[in-house]
Amino acid sequence: VADQSGDLTIVEDVRGNIQVRGLSTPVGGTEEEALHIFFQGDTNRHVAEHALNKGSTRSHVVFTIYVESRSRVESSEK
């Protein structure tokens, strides 16, 4: 999710990873929280009209889901 300033800078870190400064990485622990984050980002998108498309988007969205799983049963047996 971009901050309200809208100023984004693409940078490369010391490990060669490309990152965008000015973005946040919100965490959703449930499906509902993830959907809320998605819709928040969609609401922040810019839409403007031009000659060929009245609802042209003037921004892009990258929505990435990282899944972390844990065993429900922890046992001392191997």
N, C-alpha and C. Protein backbone atom coordinates (compact mmCIF):
# COMPACT_ATOMS: atom_id res chain seq x y z
N VAL A 1 0.86 -1.16 0.00
CA VAL A 1 0.00 0.00 0.00
C VAL A 1 0.91 1.22 0.00
N ALA A 2 0.67 2.12 -0.93
CA ALA A 2 1.48 3.34 -1.01
C ALA A 2 1.06 4.33 0.06
N ASP A 3 2.04 5.09 0.56
CA ASP A 3 1.69 6.12 1.53
C ASP A 3 0.95 7.26 0.82
N GLN A 4 0.41 8.18 1.57
CA GLN A 4 -0.43 9.23 1.00
C GLN A 4 0.32 10.21 0.11
N SER A 5 1.64 10.33 0.26
CA SER A 5 2.40 11.28 -0.56
C SER A 5 2.45 10.84 -2.01
N GLY A 6 2.38 9.53 -2.24
CA GLY A 6 2.44 9.02 -3.61
C GLY A 6 3.84 8.99 -4.18
N ASP A 7 4.83 9.43 -3.41
CA ASP A 7 6.21 9.43 -3.88
C ASP A 7 6.82 8.05 -3.69
N LEU A 8 7.13 7.38 -4.80
CA LEU A 8 7.71 6.05 -4.76
C LEU A 8 9.06 6.08 -5.45
N THR A 9 10.03 5.40 -4.88
CA THR A 9 11.36 5.34 -5.45
C THR A 9 11.78 3.88 -5.54
N ILE A 10 12.24 3.47 -6.72
CA ILE A 10 12.71 2.11 -6.91
C ILE A 10 14.21 2.08 -6.59
N VAL A 11 14.59 1.17 -5.70
CA VAL A 11 15.99 1.07 -5.28
C VAL A 11 16.44 -0.40 -5.29
N GLU A 12 17.74 -0.58 -5.35
CA GLU A 12 18.32 -1.92 -5.24
C GLU A 12 19.11 -1.97 -3.94
N ASP A 13 18.84 -2.99 -3.11
CA ASP A 13 19.55 -3.09 -1.84
C ASP A 13 20.90 -3.78 -2.04
N VAL A 14 21.66 -3.93 -0.95
CA VAL A 14 23.02 -4.48 -1.04
C VAL A 14 23.05 -5.93 -1.52
N ARG A 15 21.94 -6.64 -1.39
CA ARG A 15 21.87 -8.04 -1.85
C ARG A 15 21.37 -8.15 -3.30
N GLY A 16 21.09 -7.01 -3.93
CA GLY A 16 20.61 -7.02 -5.31
C GLY A 16 19.11 -7.14 -5.44
N ASN A 17 18.38 -7.05 -4.32
CA ASN A 17 16.92 -7.11 -4.36
C ASN A 17 16.35 -5.75 -4.74
N ILE A 18 15.37 -5.76 -5.61
CA ILE A 18 14.70 -4.52 -6.01
C ILE A 18 13.56 -4.26 -5.04
N GLN A 19 13.50 -3.03 -4.53
CA GLN A 19 12.45 -2.64 -3.60
C GLN A 19 11.88 -1.30 -4.01
N VAL A 20 10.69 -1.01 -3.53
CA VAL A 20 10.06 0.28 -3.79
C VAL A 20 9.89 1.00 -2.46
N ARG A 21 10.60 2.12 -2.31
CA ARG A 21 10.46 2.93 -1.09
C ARG A 21 9.15 3.69 -1.18
N GLY A 22 8.49 3.81 -0.03
CA GLY A 22 7.21 4.50 0.00
C GLY A 22 6.04 3.54 0.04
N LEU A 23 6.34 2.24 0.03
CA LEU A 23 5.29 1.23 0.14
C LEU A 23 5.33 0.59 1.51
N SER A 24 4.18 0.13 1.95
CA SER A 24 4.13 -0.64 3.19
C SER A 24 3.76 -2.07 2.86
N THR A 25 4.03 -2.96 3.77
CA THR A 25 3.67 -4.36 3.60
C THR A 25 2.76 -4.75 4.76
N PRO A 26 1.47 -4.49 4.61
CA PRO A 26 0.55 -4.84 5.70
C PRO A 26 0.41 -6.35 5.83
N VAL A 27 0.11 -6.80 7.04
CA VAL A 27 -0.03 -8.23 7.31
C VAL A 27 -1.48 -8.51 7.67
N GLY A 28 -2.05 -9.49 7.00
CA GLY A 28 -3.41 -9.93 7.30
C GLY A 28 -3.37 -11.36 7.80
N GLY A 29 -3.90 -11.59 8.96
CA GLY A 29 -3.87 -12.92 9.54
C GLY A 29 -5.04 -13.79 9.15
N THR A 30 -6.06 -13.17 8.54
CA THR A 30 -7.25 -13.92 8.13
C THR A 30 -7.61 -13.55 6.70
N GLU A 31 -8.49 -14.33 6.11
CA GLU A 31 -8.98 -14.03 4.76
C GLU A 31 -9.64 -12.66 4.72
N GLU A 32 -10.42 -12.34 5.74
CA GLU A 32 -11.11 -11.05 5.78
C GLU A 32 -10.12 -9.89 5.83
N GLU A 33 -9.06 -10.04 6.64
CA GLU A 33 -8.05 -8.98 6.73
C GLU A 33 -7.32 -8.81 5.40
N ALA A 34 -7.01 -9.91 4.73
CA ALA A 34 -6.34 -9.84 3.43
C ALA A 34 -7.22 -9.14 2.41
N LEU A 35 -8.51 -9.46 2.40
CA LEU A 35 -9.43 -8.79 1.47
C LEU A 35 -9.53 -7.30 1.78
N HIS A 36 -9.55 -6.94 3.05
CA HIS A 36 -9.60 -5.53 3.42
C HIS A 36 -8.37 -4.79 2.90
N ILE A 37 -7.20 -5.40 3.03
CA ILE A 37 -5.96 -4.80 2.53
C ILE A 37 -6.02 -4.66 1.01
N PHE A 38 -6.51 -5.70 0.33
CA PHE A 38 -6.63 -5.65 -1.13
C PHE A 38 -7.55 -4.50 -1.56
N PHE A 39 -8.71 -4.39 -0.94
CA PHE A 39 -9.66 -3.34 -1.31
C PHE A 39 -9.14 -1.96 -0.96
N GLN A 40 -8.37 -1.85 0.12
CA GLN A 40 -7.76 -0.57 0.47
C GLN A 40 -6.80 -0.13 -0.64
N GLY A 41 -5.99 -1.05 -1.12
CA GLY A 41 -5.07 -0.74 -2.21
C GLY A 41 -5.81 -0.40 -3.49
N ASP A 42 -6.88 -1.13 -3.79
CA ASP A 42 -7.67 -0.87 -5.00
C ASP A 42 -8.32 0.51 -4.93
N THR A 43 -8.77 0.91 -3.75
CA THR A 43 -9.39 2.22 -3.58
C THR A 43 -8.39 3.35 -3.83
N ASN A 44 -7.13 3.12 -3.52
CA ASN A 44 -6.10 4.15 -3.69
C ASN A 44 -5.63 4.31 -5.13
N ARG A 45 -6.08 3.44 -6.03
CA ARG A 45 -5.63 3.52 -7.43
C ARG A 45 -6.18 4.77 -8.10
N HIS A 46 -5.46 5.27 -9.09
CA HIS A 46 -5.88 6.45 -9.83
C HIS A 46 -6.50 6.02 -11.15
N VAL A 47 -7.66 6.58 -11.45
CA VAL A 47 -8.35 6.30 -12.71
C VAL A 47 -8.59 7.64 -13.39
N ALA A 48 -8.28 7.72 -14.68
CA ALA A 48 -8.50 8.95 -15.43
C ALA A 48 -8.95 8.59 -16.84
N GLU A 49 -9.69 9.47 -17.41
CA GLU A 49 -10.26 9.27 -18.74
C GLU A 49 -9.28 9.75 -19.81
N HIS A 50 -9.25 9.02 -20.94
CA HIS A 50 -8.57 9.53 -22.13
C HIS A 50 -9.39 9.14 -23.34
N ALA A 51 -8.96 9.56 -24.52
CA ALA A 51 -9.78 9.43 -25.73
C ALA A 51 -10.21 8.01 -26.03
N LEU A 52 -9.40 7.02 -25.74
CA LEU A 52 -9.72 5.64 -26.09
C LEU A 52 -10.34 4.84 -24.96
N ASN A 53 -10.27 5.34 -23.74
CA ASN A 53 -10.76 4.57 -22.61
C ASN A 53 -11.20 5.51 -21.49
N LYS A 54 -12.50 5.51 -21.21
CA LYS A 54 -13.04 6.44 -20.21
C LYS A 54 -12.69 6.05 -18.78
N GLY A 55 -12.35 4.80 -18.54
CA GLY A 55 -12.02 4.36 -17.19
C GLY A 55 -10.61 3.81 -17.08
N SER A 56 -9.68 4.42 -17.81
CA SER A 56 -8.32 3.91 -17.84
C SER A 56 -7.64 4.06 -16.48
N THR A 57 -6.99 3.00 -16.05
CA THR A 57 -6.26 3.09 -14.79
C THR A 57 -4.93 3.78 -15.04
N ARG A 58 -4.55 4.65 -14.13
CA ARG A 58 -3.30 5.38 -14.25
C ARG A 58 -2.28 4.85 -13.25
N SER A 59 -2.55 3.70 -12.69
CA SER A 59 -1.63 3.09 -11.74
C SER A 59 -1.73 1.58 -11.85
N HIS A 60 -0.84 0.90 -11.19
CA HIS A 60 -0.80 -0.56 -11.23
C HIS A 60 -0.85 -1.12 -9.82
N VAL A 61 -1.23 -2.38 -9.72
CA VAL A 61 -1.32 -3.04 -8.42
C VAL A 61 -0.51 -4.32 -8.46
N VAL A 62 0.26 -4.54 -7.41
CA VAL A 62 0.91 -5.83 -7.18
C VAL A 62 0.42 -6.30 -5.82
N PHE A 63 -0.31 -7.40 -5.81
CA PHE A 63 -0.85 -7.94 -4.56
C PHE A 63 -0.19 -9.30 -4.37
N THR A 64 0.66 -9.40 -3.39
CA THR A 64 1.42 -10.62 -3.14
C THR A 64 0.97 -11.24 -1.83
N ILE A 65 0.75 -12.53 -1.86
CA ILE A 65 0.36 -13.24 -0.65
C ILE A 65 1.49 -14.19 -0.27
N TYR A 66 1.99 -14.03 0.94
CA TYR A 66 2.98 -14.95 1.50
C TYR A 66 2.24 -15.83 2.49
N VAL A 67 2.36 -17.13 2.32
CA VAL A 67 1.65 -18.08 3.19
C VAL A 67 2.65 -18.72 4.14
N GLU A 68 2.33 -18.67 5.41
CA GLU A 68 3.15 -19.31 6.43
C GLU A 68 2.30 -20.38 7.07
N SER A 69 2.82 -21.59 7.14
CA SER A 69 2.04 -22.66 7.76
C SER A 69 2.81 -23.25 8.93
N ARG A 70 2.05 -23.75 9.87
CA ARG A 70 2.62 -24.40 11.05
C ARG A 70 1.87 -25.69 11.28
N SER A 71 2.56 -26.64 11.88
CA SER A 71 1.92 -27.90 12.21
C SER A 71 0.91 -27.66 13.33
N ARG A 72 -0.26 -28.23 13.19
CA ARG A 72 -1.27 -28.11 14.24
C ARG A 72 -0.96 -29.00 15.43
N VAL A 73 -0.23 -30.08 15.16
CA VAL A 73 0.10 -31.04 16.22
C VAL A 73 1.60 -31.01 16.44
N GLU A 74 1.99 -30.71 17.64
CA GLU A 74 3.41 -30.75 17.98
C GLU A 74 3.63 -31.95 18.87
N SER A 75 4.54 -32.81 18.47
CA SER A 75 4.79 -34.04 19.21
C SER A 75 6.28 -34.18 19.48
N SER A 76 6.61 -34.81 20.60
CA SER A 76 8.02 -35.07 20.90
C SER A 76 8.49 -36.35 20.21
N GLU A 77 7.55 -37.13 19.66
CA GLU A 77 7.92 -38.37 18.96
C GLU A 77 8.46 -38.03 17.59
N LYS A 78 9.42 -38.85 17.13
CA LYS A 78 9.98 -38.64 15.79
C LYS A 78 9.76 -39.83 14.93
